[in-house]
Protein backbone atom coordinates (compact mmCIF):
# COMPACT_ATOMS: atom_id res chain seq x y z
CA MET A 1 -58.01 26.43 41.24
CA ALA A 2 -55.72 24.89 43.87
CA ARG A 3 -52.92 24.51 41.30
CA ALA A 4 -53.35 28.10 40.08
CA MET A 5 -53.24 29.31 43.69
CA TRP A 6 -50.08 27.30 44.39
CA ASP A 7 -48.34 28.56 41.25
CA SER A 8 -49.01 32.22 42.04
CA SER A 9 -46.77 34.29 44.29
CA VAL A 10 -49.79 35.37 46.32
CA GLY A 11 -50.74 31.73 46.84
CA LYS A 12 -47.25 30.79 48.02
CA LYS A 13 -47.17 33.75 50.41
CA THR A 14 -50.56 32.66 51.77
CA VAL A 15 -49.28 29.11 52.32
CA MET A 16 -46.25 30.56 54.09
CA ALA A 17 -48.44 32.73 56.30
CA VAL A 18 -50.85 29.95 57.30
CA SER A 19 -48.10 27.36 57.86
CA GLY A 20 -46.12 29.94 59.84
CA LEU A 21 -49.08 30.65 62.13
CA ILE A 22 -49.57 26.90 62.69
CA MET A 23 -45.93 26.60 63.75
CA LEU A 24 -46.23 29.73 65.88
CA LEU A 25 -49.18 28.25 67.78
CA TYR A 26 -47.18 25.08 68.39
CA LEU A 27 -44.16 27.07 69.57
CA ALA A 28 -46.24 29.00 72.11
CA VAL A 29 -47.69 25.79 73.56
CA HIS A 30 -44.30 24.06 73.45
CA MET A 31 -42.59 26.93 75.25
CA PHE A 32 -45.26 26.99 77.94
CA GLY A 33 -44.87 23.25 78.46
CA ASN A 34 -41.08 23.53 78.62
CA LEU A 35 -41.35 25.91 81.57
CA LYS A 36 -42.84 23.09 83.66
CA ILE A 37 -39.26 21.88 84.06
CA PHE A 38 -38.87 24.49 86.83
CA PHE A 39 -41.42 22.53 88.91
CA GLY A 40 -39.11 19.52 89.16
CA PRO A 41 -38.57 16.13 87.51
CA GLY A 42 -41.87 14.65 88.72
CA ASP A 43 -44.07 17.29 87.09
CA TYR A 44 -42.00 17.50 83.93
CA ASN A 45 -41.84 13.74 83.37
CA ARG A 46 -45.59 13.46 83.97
CA TYR A 47 -46.09 16.20 81.41
CA GLY A 48 -43.97 14.24 78.92
CA HIS A 49 -46.08 11.13 79.57
CA TRP A 50 -49.33 13.10 79.23
CA LEU A 51 -48.30 14.25 75.74
CA ARG A 52 -48.29 10.59 74.68
CA THR A 53 -51.68 9.80 76.22
CA ILE A 54 -53.71 12.79 74.97
CA GLY A 55 -57.15 11.64 73.83
CA GLU A 56 -57.10 8.21 75.49
CA PRO A 57 -58.97 5.94 75.42
CA PHE A 58 -60.45 7.20 72.13
CA MET A 59 -56.96 7.79 70.73
CA HIS A 60 -54.37 5.07 71.12
CA TYR A 61 -51.05 5.69 72.90
CA GLU A 62 -49.08 8.41 71.02
CA TRP A 63 -51.68 8.70 68.22
CA THR A 64 -52.51 12.33 69.03
CA LEU A 65 -48.81 13.14 69.31
CA TRP A 66 -48.21 11.64 65.87
CA VAL A 67 -51.09 13.66 64.40
CA ILE A 68 -49.45 16.80 65.77
CA ARG A 69 -46.08 15.72 64.36
CA VAL A 70 -47.53 15.07 60.89
CA VAL A 71 -49.27 18.47 60.85
CA LEU A 72 -46.02 20.15 61.90
CA VAL A 73 -43.96 18.32 59.26
CA VAL A 74 -46.44 19.35 56.55
CA ALA A 75 -46.36 22.96 57.81
CA VAL A 76 -42.54 23.06 57.96
CA VAL A 77 -42.11 21.51 54.49
CA ALA A 78 -44.75 23.76 52.91
CA HIS A 79 -43.19 26.82 54.56
CA ALA A 80 -39.67 25.93 53.43
CA VAL A 81 -40.67 25.00 49.87
CA CYS A 82 -42.64 28.22 49.38
CA ALA A 83 -39.81 30.29 50.84
CA TYR A 84 -37.29 28.67 48.49
CA GLN A 85 -39.52 29.02 45.41
CA LEU A 86 -40.34 32.65 46.15
CA SER A 87 -36.64 33.36 46.65
CA ARG A 88 -35.76 31.77 43.30
CA ARG A 89 -38.61 33.64 41.61
CA ASP A 90 -37.34 36.91 43.06
CA LEU A 91 -33.81 36.24 41.80
CA ARG A 92 -35.06 35.38 38.30
CA ALA A 93 -37.10 38.59 38.20
CA ARG A 94 -34.05 40.63 39.23
CA PRO A 95 -30.90 38.93 37.82
CA SER A 96 -28.79 42.08 38.26
CA LYS A 97 -28.44 44.39 41.24
CA TYR A 98 -30.28 47.68 41.50
CA VAL A 99 -28.35 50.75 40.35
CA HIS A 100 -29.45 52.61 43.46
CA ARG A 101 -29.27 50.92 46.81
CA LYS A 102 -32.61 50.04 48.38
CA PRO A 103 -33.52 51.50 51.78
CA ARG A 104 -31.85 49.49 54.48
CA ALA A 105 -34.13 46.75 55.77
CA SER A 106 -34.35 45.62 59.38
CA TYR A 107 -31.85 43.08 60.69
CA ALA A 108 -34.62 40.47 60.97
CA THR A 109 -35.65 41.02 57.34
CA ARG A 110 -32.09 40.69 56.05
CA THR A 111 -31.48 37.48 58.01
CA MET A 112 -34.80 35.68 57.35
CA ARG A 113 -33.26 33.25 54.88
CA TRP A 114 -30.22 32.42 56.99
CA GLY A 115 -32.44 32.24 60.06
CA GLY A 116 -34.64 29.73 58.28
CA ILE A 117 -31.64 27.55 57.43
CA ILE A 118 -30.38 27.73 61.03
CA LEU A 119 -33.81 26.72 62.35
CA ALA A 120 -34.11 23.84 59.86
CA LEU A 121 -30.74 22.44 60.96
CA PHE A 122 -31.69 22.97 64.60
CA ILE A 123 -34.95 21.03 64.21
CA VAL A 124 -33.00 18.03 62.89
CA TRP A 125 -30.52 18.21 65.77
CA HIS A 126 -33.26 18.75 68.36
CA ILE A 127 -35.17 15.66 67.21
CA LEU A 128 -32.03 13.51 67.13
CA ASP A 129 -31.08 14.78 70.58
CA LEU A 130 -34.27 14.75 72.67
CA THR A 131 -36.72 12.59 70.67
CA THR A 132 -34.70 9.70 69.25
CA GLY A 133 -31.61 10.12 71.47
CA THR A 134 -29.31 9.46 68.51
CA VAL A 135 -26.89 12.31 69.27
CA HIS A 136 -27.79 12.72 72.93
CA SER A 137 -25.01 13.10 75.46
CA GLY A 138 -24.92 11.37 78.83
CA GLY A 139 -27.09 8.38 77.97
CA PHE A 140 -30.62 8.90 76.63
CA GLN A 141 -33.39 7.76 79.01
CA GLU A 142 -36.68 6.91 77.31
CA GLY A 143 -39.61 8.31 79.27
CA HIS A 144 -37.42 10.64 81.36
CA PRO A 145 -37.45 13.98 79.51
CA TYR A 146 -36.31 15.94 82.59
CA GLN A 147 -33.05 14.00 82.86
CA ASN A 148 -32.51 14.19 79.09
CA VAL A 149 -32.95 17.97 79.03
CA VAL A 150 -30.52 18.40 81.94
CA ASP A 151 -27.98 16.19 80.14
CA THR A 152 -28.23 18.25 76.95
CA PHE A 153 -27.80 21.60 78.67
CA SER A 154 -24.98 20.35 80.83
CA THR A 155 -22.77 20.52 77.73
CA TRP A 156 -21.41 23.78 76.32
CA TYR A 157 -22.27 22.89 72.74
CA GLY A 158 -25.85 21.96 73.66
CA ASN A 159 -26.32 25.41 75.14
CA VAL A 160 -24.66 27.21 72.22
CA ILE A 161 -26.72 25.37 69.57
CA TYR A 162 -29.98 25.93 71.43
CA ILE A 163 -29.46 29.59 72.33
CA VAL A 164 -28.27 30.57 68.83
CA ALA A 165 -31.29 28.80 67.33
CA MET A 166 -33.69 30.54 69.73
CA LEU A 167 -32.22 33.95 68.89
CA ALA A 168 -32.73 33.13 65.20
CA LEU A 169 -36.27 32.04 66.05
CA GLY A 170 -36.99 35.36 67.74
CA LEU A 171 -35.88 37.32 64.66
CA HIS A 172 -37.85 34.99 62.40
CA VAL A 173 -41.04 35.38 64.45
CA ARG A 174 -40.61 39.15 64.72
CA HIS A 175 -40.60 39.61 60.97
CA GLY A 176 -42.76 36.61 60.04
CA PHE A 177 -45.72 37.49 62.26
CA TRP A 178 -46.03 40.96 60.77
CA SER A 179 -45.54 39.62 57.22
CA ALA A 180 -48.24 36.98 57.74
CA ALA A 181 -50.66 39.66 58.91
CA GLN A 182 -50.00 41.68 55.74
CA THR A 183 -50.40 38.62 53.50
CA LEU A 184 -53.70 37.60 55.10
CA GLY A 185 -55.07 41.12 54.83
CA VAL A 186 -55.10 41.88 58.54
CA GLY A 187 -52.64 44.74 58.34
CA SER A 188 -53.57 48.34 57.65
CA ARG A 189 -52.17 51.81 58.32
CA THR A 190 -54.01 52.03 61.63
CA ARG A 191 -53.07 48.51 62.72
CA ASP A 192 -49.45 48.35 61.58
CA ARG A 193 -48.04 49.89 64.75
CA ALA A 194 -50.00 47.48 66.96
CA LEU A 195 -49.05 44.50 64.80
CA LYS A 196 -45.36 45.40 64.90
CA ALA A 197 -45.50 45.89 68.66
CA GLY A 198 -47.29 42.55 69.03
CA ALA A 199 -44.66 40.86 66.86
CA ASN A 200 -41.87 42.31 69.01
CA VAL A 201 -43.54 41.23 72.27
CA LEU A 202 -44.30 37.74 70.94
CA ALA A 203 -40.76 37.26 69.66
CA LEU A 204 -39.31 38.45 72.97
CA LEU A 205 -41.55 36.19 75.07
CA LEU A 206 -40.85 33.10 72.97
CA THR A 207 -37.10 33.72 72.90
CA ALA A 208 -36.91 34.40 76.65
CA GLY A 209 -39.19 31.47 77.49
CA PHE A 210 -37.17 28.96 75.49
CA ILE A 211 -33.77 30.27 76.60
CA ALA A 212 -34.88 30.18 80.26
CA VAL A 213 -34.51 26.37 80.25
CA PRO A 214 -30.79 26.12 79.34
CA VAL A 215 -30.08 29.13 81.58
CA GLY A 216 -31.89 27.34 84.41
CA VAL A 217 -29.66 24.27 83.94
CA MET A 218 -26.47 26.32 83.62
CA THR A 219 -27.20 28.25 86.81
CA GLY A 220 -28.18 25.16 88.79
CA VAL A 221 -31.82 26.18 89.23
CA VAL A 222 -32.70 23.05 87.25
CA SER A 223 -30.47 20.13 88.16
């Protein structure tokens, strides 16, 4: 049954919807935590330390964080694989273009694939920058996330990469949230307007919340 579900287009769309909602929940919590940077280095660094000690003493140091990371990796991989397979299936089903042009889709819909690629590349850069410190500028300081964030957003390219990725994220969330609701059977004629409005608000809040951090560094509010 699981294999039949995975092989079907409906099954892949369901996996995409569930994995997308898991990532969306993480993004909301992550954005909220990021905003603690406006309370100063002490609060933000303590927050970074707390993330590694969640569940102690039952959970060992960083165990809970690694559980979260594994769940996120599985969600991201499942989401990307399903998106790719559905895209290939769609192309095989329609090898030639339509004679008549389809109604123009929204900008978010037409850029979902490119947005996904941008976000995938950003995730790799973000991990190498602020988790491992491999590509970090200014000297990576283990256990000092506040200083590391300020270093990253003190460079023009750090700001450009982050802001472009967050704009892509906003478009992705705007379309993806509504699509997930349709796939999971939540949508209906009476609910569509509310779901679309909720998707717009959620995308706007996440985009603004994430971009507030580099803007805070650039303007000197965070320094």
